[in-house]
Amino acid sequence: MQTKPNKYLLAAAFCCGLAALAHAGCMLFGAAWYRFLGAGEQMAQLAEQGHWYPIVVTGAITFILLLWACYALSAAGVMRRLALTRLALVLISSILLLRGLAFAWLMPLFPENSLLFWLVSSGICLLMGALFAVGSWQQWPKLSAKPAALA
């Protein structure tokens, strides 16, 4: 592992961790959190009814965010290199940047979400995507080397 971790990827991991915590809060604290975070009234009502859908969707998002945080930490040099790190970083950066830029096309698919939700969540996705992209670009040469074998 390197001596000085990549600050952009550390920030990306931190943002992913915070986003995962917010999503976990929805699962733990229910409808009020879904409403506050702008998930839409339908999601909040399903959570109030004890329906499985909000938990499964939010759990999947939480898992993905935690996995992305692990890839950021791996690429930053603070934990063991994960499999397919370079590919994962390209995909994560692309997904986040695309999500941040494509909100105008996504809005009609989720009409219950407010404009404020779309602006804030898209801004967060753009920030996270930029952190992943810049950090990946900086680390790219180091990530092409084979990881050291475990003793």
N, C-alpha and C. Protein backbone atom coordinates (compact mmCIF):
# COMPACT_ATOMS: atom_id res chain seq x y z
N MET A 1 0.83 -1.19 0.00
CA MET A 1 0.00 0.00 0.00
C MET A 1 0.87 1.25 0.00
N GLN A 2 0.35 2.30 -0.56
CA GLN A 2 1.12 3.53 -0.64
C GLN A 2 1.09 4.28 0.69
N THR A 3 1.96 5.27 0.84
CA THR A 3 2.07 5.96 2.12
C THR A 3 1.06 7.09 2.25
N LYS A 4 0.74 7.77 1.16
CA LYS A 4 -0.18 8.90 1.23
C LYS A 4 -1.45 8.58 0.44
N PRO A 5 -2.57 8.35 1.12
CA PRO A 5 -3.81 8.00 0.41
C PRO A 5 -4.31 9.14 -0.48
N ASN A 6 -4.99 8.78 -1.54
CA ASN A 6 -5.55 9.76 -2.47
C ASN A 6 -6.72 10.47 -1.81
N LYS A 7 -6.61 11.79 -1.66
CA LYS A 7 -7.63 12.55 -0.93
C LYS A 7 -8.98 12.60 -1.65
N TYR A 8 -8.98 12.56 -2.97
CA TYR A 8 -10.25 12.58 -3.70
C TYR A 8 -11.02 11.28 -3.50
N LEU A 9 -10.30 10.18 -3.54
CA LEU A 9 -10.96 8.89 -3.33
C LEU A 9 -11.38 8.72 -1.86
N LEU A 10 -10.60 9.26 -0.94
CA LEU A 10 -11.03 9.24 0.47
C LEU A 10 -12.31 10.05 0.64
N ALA A 11 -12.39 11.21 -0.01
CA ALA A 11 -13.61 12.02 0.06
C ALA A 11 -14.78 11.29 -0.60
N ALA A 12 -14.52 10.60 -1.70
CA ALA A 12 -15.57 9.83 -2.36
C ALA A 12 -16.09 8.74 -1.44
N ALA A 13 -15.17 8.05 -0.76
CA ALA A 13 -15.57 6.99 0.18
C ALA A 13 -16.39 7.57 1.32
N PHE A 14 -15.97 8.73 1.83
CA PHE A 14 -16.70 9.39 2.91
C PHE A 14 -18.11 9.75 2.46
N CYS A 15 -18.24 10.32 1.27
CA CYS A 15 -19.56 10.68 0.73
C CYS A 15 -20.45 9.44 0.55
N CYS A 16 -19.87 8.38 0.03
CA CYS A 16 -20.63 7.13 -0.12
C CYS A 16 -21.09 6.62 1.24
N GLY A 17 -20.21 6.70 2.23
CA GLY A 17 -20.57 6.28 3.58
C GLY A 17 -21.70 7.10 4.16
N LEU A 18 -21.64 8.42 3.98
CA LEU A 18 -22.73 9.28 4.46
C LEU A 18 -24.05 8.97 3.76
N ALA A 19 -23.97 8.78 2.45
CA ALA A 19 -25.19 8.45 1.69
C ALA A 19 -25.75 7.11 2.13
N ALA A 20 -24.88 6.14 2.40
CA ALA A 20 -25.33 4.83 2.89
C ALA A 20 -26.00 4.98 4.26
N LEU A 21 -25.43 5.81 5.12
CA LEU A 21 -26.04 6.05 6.43
C LEU A 21 -27.42 6.69 6.29
N ALA A 22 -27.56 7.64 5.38
CA ALA A 22 -28.87 8.27 5.17
C ALA A 22 -29.89 7.24 4.69
N HIS A 23 -29.48 6.37 3.79
CA HIS A 23 -30.39 5.33 3.31
C HIS A 23 -30.72 4.33 4.41
N ALA A 24 -29.72 3.97 5.21
CA ALA A 24 -29.98 3.07 6.34
C ALA A 24 -30.93 3.72 7.34
N GLY A 25 -30.81 5.03 7.51
CA GLY A 25 -31.73 5.76 8.38
C GLY A 25 -33.16 5.63 7.92
N CYS A 26 -33.37 5.65 6.62
CA CYS A 26 -34.72 5.45 6.08
C CYS A 26 -35.27 4.09 6.48
N MET A 27 -34.42 3.07 6.37
CA MET A 27 -34.88 1.72 6.72
C MET A 27 -35.16 1.61 8.21
N LEU A 28 -34.35 2.27 9.02
CA LEU A 28 -34.51 2.16 10.47
C LEU A 28 -35.64 3.03 11.02
N PHE A 29 -35.77 4.22 10.49
CA PHE A 29 -36.70 5.19 11.07
C PHE A 29 -37.97 5.41 10.26
N GLY A 30 -38.06 4.80 9.10
CA GLY A 30 -39.32 4.72 8.39
C GLY A 30 -39.74 5.92 7.56
N ALA A 31 -41.04 6.05 7.47
CA ALA A 31 -41.69 6.97 6.53
C ALA A 31 -41.23 8.41 6.68
N ALA A 32 -41.03 8.86 7.91
CA ALA A 32 -40.62 10.26 8.11
C ALA A 32 -39.29 10.54 7.43
N TRP A 33 -38.38 9.59 7.49
CA TRP A 33 -37.08 9.76 6.83
C TRP A 33 -37.21 9.69 5.32
N TYR A 34 -38.04 8.78 4.83
CA TYR A 34 -38.27 8.73 3.38
C TYR A 34 -38.81 10.06 2.89
N ARG A 35 -39.76 10.64 3.63
CA ARG A 35 -40.32 11.93 3.25
C ARG A 35 -39.28 13.03 3.32
N PHE A 36 -38.54 13.09 4.43
CA PHE A 36 -37.56 14.15 4.62
C PHE A 36 -36.48 14.12 3.54
N LEU A 37 -36.05 12.92 3.16
CA LEU A 37 -35.00 12.80 2.16
C LEU A 37 -35.53 12.83 0.73
N GLY A 38 -36.85 12.99 0.58
CA GLY A 38 -37.44 13.22 -0.73
C GLY A 38 -37.67 11.99 -1.57
N ALA A 39 -37.84 10.85 -0.94
CA ALA A 39 -38.03 9.61 -1.70
C ALA A 39 -39.41 9.53 -2.34
N GLY A 40 -40.31 10.39 -1.95
CA GLY A 40 -41.65 10.37 -2.52
C GLY A 40 -42.69 9.81 -1.57
N GLU A 41 -43.89 10.29 -1.73
CA GLU A 41 -44.97 9.90 -0.83
C GLU A 41 -45.31 8.42 -0.95
N GLN A 42 -45.22 7.89 -2.15
CA GLN A 42 -45.54 6.47 -2.34
C GLN A 42 -44.59 5.59 -1.53
N MET A 43 -43.29 5.90 -1.56
CA MET A 43 -42.32 5.12 -0.78
C MET A 43 -42.61 5.27 0.71
N ALA A 44 -42.93 6.48 1.14
CA ALA A 44 -43.23 6.72 2.55
C ALA A 44 -44.46 5.92 2.98
N GLN A 45 -45.48 5.92 2.15
CA GLN A 45 -46.70 5.19 2.50
C GLN A 45 -46.46 3.68 2.53
N LEU A 46 -45.69 3.19 1.59
CA LEU A 46 -45.36 1.76 1.60
C LEU A 46 -44.57 1.40 2.87
N ALA A 47 -43.67 2.28 3.28
CA ALA A 47 -42.91 2.04 4.51
C ALA A 47 -43.85 2.03 5.72
N GLU A 48 -44.82 2.94 5.74
CA GLU A 48 -45.79 2.98 6.85
C GLU A 48 -46.62 1.70 6.92
N GLN A 49 -46.90 1.13 5.76
CA GLN A 49 -47.69 -0.10 5.70
C GLN A 49 -46.87 -1.35 5.99
N GLY A 50 -45.56 -1.17 6.16
CA GLY A 50 -44.70 -2.33 6.41
C GLY A 50 -44.42 -3.16 5.18
N HIS A 51 -44.62 -2.58 4.01
CA HIS A 51 -44.39 -3.28 2.74
C HIS A 51 -42.90 -3.58 2.58
N TRP A 52 -42.60 -4.66 1.88
CA TRP A 52 -41.21 -5.08 1.68
C TRP A 52 -40.44 -4.19 0.71
N TYR A 53 -41.12 -3.56 -0.23
CA TYR A 53 -40.47 -2.85 -1.32
C TYR A 53 -39.49 -1.76 -0.86
N PRO A 54 -39.89 -0.84 0.04
CA PRO A 54 -38.92 0.19 0.44
C PRO A 54 -37.66 -0.37 1.09
N ILE A 55 -37.80 -1.40 1.88
CA ILE A 55 -36.64 -1.99 2.55
C ILE A 55 -35.71 -2.64 1.53
N VAL A 56 -36.25 -3.36 0.58
CA VAL A 56 -35.42 -4.05 -0.43
C VAL A 56 -34.69 -3.03 -1.31
N VAL A 57 -35.41 -2.05 -1.81
CA VAL A 57 -34.80 -1.04 -2.69
C VAL A 57 -33.76 -0.23 -1.92
N THR A 58 -34.12 0.22 -0.74
CA THR A 58 -33.19 1.04 0.05
C THR A 58 -32.01 0.21 0.53
N GLY A 59 -32.25 -1.03 0.88
CA GLY A 59 -31.16 -1.92 1.27
C GLY A 59 -30.18 -2.15 0.13
N ALA A 60 -30.70 -2.33 -1.07
CA ALA A 60 -29.84 -2.53 -2.24
C ALA A 60 -28.99 -1.28 -2.51
N ILE A 61 -29.62 -0.11 -2.41
CA ILE A 61 -28.88 1.14 -2.61
C ILE A 61 -27.80 1.29 -1.53
N THR A 62 -28.14 0.97 -0.30
CA THR A 62 -27.18 1.06 0.80
C THR A 62 -25.99 0.14 0.55
N PHE A 63 -26.27 -1.09 0.15
CA PHE A 63 -25.21 -2.05 -0.15
C PHE A 63 -24.30 -1.54 -1.27
N ILE A 64 -24.89 -1.03 -2.33
CA ILE A 64 -24.11 -0.53 -3.46
C ILE A 64 -23.22 0.64 -3.02
N LEU A 65 -23.77 1.55 -2.24
CA LEU A 65 -22.98 2.69 -1.76
C LEU A 65 -21.81 2.23 -0.89
N LEU A 66 -22.05 1.24 -0.04
CA LEU A 66 -20.96 0.72 0.79
C LEU A 66 -19.91 0.00 -0.05
N LEU A 67 -20.34 -0.72 -1.06
CA LEU A 67 -19.40 -1.37 -1.97
C LEU A 67 -18.55 -0.32 -2.70
N TRP A 68 -19.20 0.75 -3.16
CA TRP A 68 -18.47 1.83 -3.83
C TRP A 68 -17.47 2.48 -2.88
N ALA A 69 -17.85 2.64 -1.61
CA ALA A 69 -16.92 3.20 -0.62
C ALA A 69 -15.70 2.29 -0.48
N CYS A 70 -15.93 0.99 -0.48
CA CYS A 70 -14.81 0.03 -0.39
C CYS A 70 -13.90 0.15 -1.60
N TYR A 71 -14.46 0.29 -2.78
CA TYR A 71 -13.62 0.46 -3.97
C TYR A 71 -12.84 1.76 -3.91
N ALA A 72 -13.45 2.82 -3.42
CA ALA A 72 -12.72 4.09 -3.29
C ALA A 72 -11.57 3.94 -2.30
N LEU A 73 -11.82 3.29 -1.17
CA LEU A 73 -10.76 3.08 -0.18
C LEU A 73 -9.66 2.18 -0.72
N SER A 74 -10.05 1.17 -1.47
CA SER A 74 -9.07 0.27 -2.07
C SER A 74 -8.18 1.03 -3.05
N ALA A 75 -8.80 1.80 -3.92
CA ALA A 75 -8.02 2.55 -4.91
C ALA A 75 -7.21 3.67 -4.27
N ALA A 76 -7.71 4.21 -3.17
CA ALA A 76 -6.98 5.28 -2.48
C ALA A 76 -5.72 4.76 -1.81
N GLY A 77 -5.66 3.47 -1.59
CA GLY A 77 -4.48 2.88 -1.01
C GLY A 77 -4.55 2.65 0.48
N VAL A 78 -5.76 2.65 1.04
CA VAL A 78 -5.88 2.45 2.49
C VAL A 78 -6.36 1.06 2.87
N MET A 79 -6.71 0.27 1.88
CA MET A 79 -7.06 -1.12 2.15
C MET A 79 -6.60 -1.96 0.96
N ARG A 80 -6.66 -3.24 1.13
CA ARG A 80 -6.21 -4.18 0.10
C ARG A 80 -6.93 -3.93 -1.22
N ARG A 81 -6.22 -4.12 -2.32
CA ARG A 81 -6.80 -3.91 -3.64
C ARG A 81 -7.90 -4.91 -3.90
N LEU A 82 -9.04 -4.42 -4.34
CA LEU A 82 -10.16 -5.28 -4.68
C LEU A 82 -10.07 -5.69 -6.15
N ALA A 83 -10.74 -6.76 -6.48
CA ALA A 83 -10.76 -7.25 -7.86
C ALA A 83 -11.41 -6.23 -8.77
N LEU A 84 -10.87 -6.10 -9.96
CA LEU A 84 -11.42 -5.23 -11.01
C LEU A 84 -11.56 -3.78 -10.57
N THR A 85 -10.60 -3.29 -9.81
CA THR A 85 -10.68 -1.93 -9.26
C THR A 85 -10.80 -0.88 -10.35
N ARG A 86 -9.96 -0.99 -11.38
CA ARG A 86 -10.01 0.04 -12.43
C ARG A 86 -11.36 0.06 -13.14
N LEU A 87 -11.86 -1.11 -13.49
CA LEU A 87 -13.17 -1.19 -14.14
C LEU A 87 -14.26 -0.64 -13.22
N ALA A 88 -14.20 -1.00 -11.95
CA ALA A 88 -15.20 -0.52 -11.00
C ALA A 88 -15.18 0.99 -10.89
N LEU A 89 -14.00 1.58 -10.84
CA LEU A 89 -13.90 3.04 -10.72
C LEU A 89 -14.48 3.75 -11.94
N VAL A 90 -14.21 3.20 -13.12
CA VAL A 90 -14.77 3.78 -14.34
C VAL A 90 -16.30 3.70 -14.31
N LEU A 91 -16.82 2.54 -13.94
CA LEU A 91 -18.27 2.36 -13.90
C LEU A 91 -18.92 3.26 -12.83
N ILE A 92 -18.32 3.31 -11.65
CA ILE A 92 -18.88 4.13 -10.56
C ILE A 92 -18.89 5.60 -10.97
N SER A 93 -17.77 6.08 -11.48
CA SER A 93 -17.69 7.49 -11.92
C SER A 93 -18.74 7.77 -12.99
N SER A 94 -18.86 6.88 -13.95
CA SER A 94 -19.81 7.06 -15.05
C SER A 94 -21.24 7.07 -14.56
N ILE A 95 -21.58 6.11 -13.70
CA ILE A 95 -22.95 6.03 -13.18
C ILE A 95 -23.30 7.31 -12.41
N LEU A 96 -22.41 7.74 -11.54
CA LEU A 96 -22.71 8.92 -10.72
C LEU A 96 -22.79 10.19 -11.58
N LEU A 97 -21.87 10.36 -12.52
CA LEU A 97 -21.92 11.54 -13.37
C LEU A 97 -23.14 11.52 -14.27
N LEU A 98 -23.48 10.36 -14.82
CA LEU A 98 -24.67 10.25 -15.66
C LEU A 98 -25.93 10.53 -14.85
N ARG A 99 -26.02 9.97 -13.65
CA ARG A 99 -27.19 10.23 -12.80
C ARG A 99 -27.30 11.72 -12.46
N GLY A 100 -26.17 12.34 -12.19
CA GLY A 100 -26.19 13.76 -11.87
C GLY A 100 -26.62 14.63 -13.04
N LEU A 101 -26.24 14.24 -14.24
CA LEU A 101 -26.55 15.05 -15.43
C LEU A 101 -27.91 14.72 -16.03
N ALA A 102 -28.42 13.53 -15.82
CA ALA A 102 -29.62 13.06 -16.51
C ALA A 102 -30.91 13.27 -15.71
N PHE A 103 -30.87 14.08 -14.66
CA PHE A 103 -32.06 14.19 -13.82
C PHE A 103 -33.27 14.73 -14.58
N ALA A 104 -33.07 15.58 -15.57
CA ALA A 104 -34.21 16.12 -16.32
C ALA A 104 -34.95 15.00 -17.06
N TRP A 105 -34.23 13.98 -17.51
CA TRP A 105 -34.86 12.86 -18.19
C TRP A 105 -35.44 11.85 -17.20
N LEU A 106 -34.92 11.83 -15.99
CA LEU A 106 -35.41 10.90 -14.97
C LEU A 106 -36.64 11.43 -14.24
N MET A 107 -36.78 12.74 -14.15
CA MET A 107 -37.87 13.34 -13.37
C MET A 107 -39.26 12.81 -13.75
N PRO A 108 -39.60 12.69 -15.05
CA PRO A 108 -40.94 12.19 -15.39
C PRO A 108 -41.20 10.76 -14.93
N LEU A 109 -40.14 9.98 -14.73
CA LEU A 109 -40.30 8.59 -14.28
C LEU A 109 -40.67 8.51 -12.80
N PHE A 110 -40.35 9.56 -12.06
CA PHE A 110 -40.62 9.61 -10.62
C PHE A 110 -41.30 10.94 -10.28
N PRO A 111 -42.54 11.14 -10.72
CA PRO A 111 -43.19 12.45 -10.57
C PRO A 111 -43.46 12.85 -9.12
N GLU A 112 -43.44 11.89 -8.20
CA GLU A 112 -43.72 12.23 -6.80
C GLU A 112 -42.53 12.90 -6.12
N ASN A 113 -41.34 12.81 -6.71
CA ASN A 113 -40.15 13.45 -6.13
C ASN A 113 -40.15 14.94 -6.47
N SER A 114 -39.80 15.74 -5.50
CA SER A 114 -39.82 17.20 -5.68
C SER A 114 -38.63 17.68 -6.51
N LEU A 115 -38.76 18.91 -7.04
CA LEU A 115 -37.66 19.51 -7.77
C LEU A 115 -36.45 19.68 -6.85
N LEU A 116 -36.70 20.03 -5.60
CA LEU A 116 -35.60 20.18 -4.64
C LEU A 116 -34.83 18.86 -4.49
N PHE A 117 -35.58 17.75 -4.41
CA PHE A 117 -34.93 16.43 -4.33
C PHE A 117 -34.03 16.22 -5.52
N TRP A 118 -34.53 16.50 -6.73
CA TRP A 118 -33.75 16.26 -7.94
C TRP A 118 -32.52 17.14 -7.99
N LEU A 119 -32.65 18.40 -7.61
CA LEU A 119 -31.50 19.30 -7.65
C LEU A 119 -30.44 18.91 -6.62
N VAL A 120 -30.88 18.60 -5.41
CA VAL A 120 -29.92 18.24 -4.36
C VAL A 120 -29.27 16.89 -4.66
N SER A 121 -30.08 15.88 -4.96
CA SER A 121 -29.51 14.55 -5.20
C SER A 121 -28.62 14.54 -6.45
N SER A 122 -29.00 15.31 -7.47
CA SER A 122 -28.17 15.37 -8.67
C SER A 122 -26.86 16.08 -8.39
N GLY A 123 -26.91 17.13 -7.59
CA GLY A 123 -25.67 17.82 -7.20
C GLY A 123 -24.75 16.92 -6.41
N ILE A 124 -25.32 16.14 -5.51
CA ILE A 124 -24.52 15.20 -4.72
C ILE A 124 -23.90 14.14 -5.64
N CYS A 125 -24.68 13.62 -6.57
CA CYS A 125 -24.15 12.62 -7.51
C CYS A 125 -23.03 13.21 -8.37
N LEU A 126 -23.21 14.45 -8.83
CA LEU A 126 -22.15 15.08 -9.61
C LEU A 126 -20.88 15.25 -8.79
N LEU A 127 -21.03 15.68 -7.56
CA LEU A 127 -19.87 15.84 -6.68
C LEU A 127 -19.16 14.50 -6.47
N MET A 128 -19.93 13.48 -6.12
CA MET A 128 -19.34 12.16 -5.88
C MET A 128 -18.70 11.61 -7.16
N GLY A 129 -19.37 11.78 -8.29
CA GLY A 129 -18.82 11.31 -9.56
C GLY A 129 -17.52 12.02 -9.89
N ALA A 130 -17.46 13.32 -9.63
CA ALA A 130 -16.24 14.08 -9.88
C ALA A 130 -15.12 13.62 -8.96
N LEU A 131 -15.43 13.37 -7.69
CA LEU A 131 -14.41 12.87 -6.75
C LEU A 131 -13.86 11.53 -7.21
N PHE A 132 -14.75 10.63 -7.61
CA PHE A 132 -14.30 9.33 -8.12
C PHE A 132 -13.47 9.51 -9.39
N ALA A 133 -13.92 10.36 -10.30
CA ALA A 133 -13.22 10.52 -11.58
C ALA A 133 -11.83 11.13 -11.39
N VAL A 134 -11.74 12.19 -10.60
CA VAL A 134 -10.44 12.84 -10.39
C VAL A 134 -9.50 11.91 -9.63
N GLY A 135 -10.01 11.29 -8.59
CA GLY A 135 -9.18 10.36 -7.83
C GLY A 135 -8.72 9.19 -8.67
N SER A 136 -9.61 8.67 -9.50
CA SER A 136 -9.25 7.55 -10.38
C SER A 136 -8.18 7.96 -11.38
N TRP A 137 -8.35 9.14 -11.95
CA TRP A 137 -7.37 9.65 -12.91
C TRP A 137 -6.00 9.78 -12.26
N GLN A 138 -5.97 10.29 -11.03
CA GLN A 138 -4.70 10.44 -10.32
C GLN A 138 -4.06 9.08 -9.98
N GLN A 139 -4.88 8.12 -9.63
CA GLN A 139 -4.37 6.81 -9.20
C GLN A 139 -4.15 5.84 -10.35
N TRP A 140 -4.63 6.16 -11.54
CA TRP A 140 -4.65 5.22 -12.65
C TRP A 140 -3.31 4.50 -12.86
N PRO A 141 -2.20 5.23 -12.91
CA PRO A 141 -0.93 4.51 -13.13
C PRO A 141 -0.60 3.52 -12.02
N LYS A 142 -0.92 3.86 -10.80
CA LYS A 142 -0.64 2.96 -9.68
C LYS A 142 -1.58 1.76 -9.69
N LEU A 143 -2.77 1.93 -10.22
CA LEU A 143 -3.74 0.84 -10.25
C LEU A 143 -3.47 -0.15 -11.36
N SER A 144 -2.61 0.23 -12.32
CA SER A 144 -2.30 -0.71 -13.39
C SER A 144 -1.27 -1.74 -12.96
N ALA A 145 -0.53 -1.42 -11.92
CA ALA A 145 0.47 -2.39 -11.40
C ALA A 145 -0.24 -3.52 -10.68
N LYS A 146 0.34 -4.68 -10.75
CA LYS A 146 -0.22 -5.83 -10.04
C LYS A 146 -0.09 -5.60 -8.54
N PRO A 147 -1.14 -5.94 -7.77
CA PRO A 147 -1.02 -5.81 -6.31
C PRO A 147 0.05 -6.75 -5.78
N ALA A 148 0.67 -6.34 -4.69
CA ALA A 148 1.70 -7.17 -4.07
C ALA A 148 1.08 -8.45 -3.55
N ALA A 149 1.80 -9.54 -3.70
CA ALA A 149 1.31 -10.84 -3.22
C ALA A 149 1.33 -10.87 -1.71
N LEU A 150 0.36 -11.53 -1.15
CA LEU A 150 0.32 -11.67 0.31
C LEU A 150 1.36 -12.69 0.75
N ALA A 151 2.01 -12.38 1.84
CA ALA A 151 3.03 -13.30 2.35
C ALA A 151 2.42 -14.39 3.19
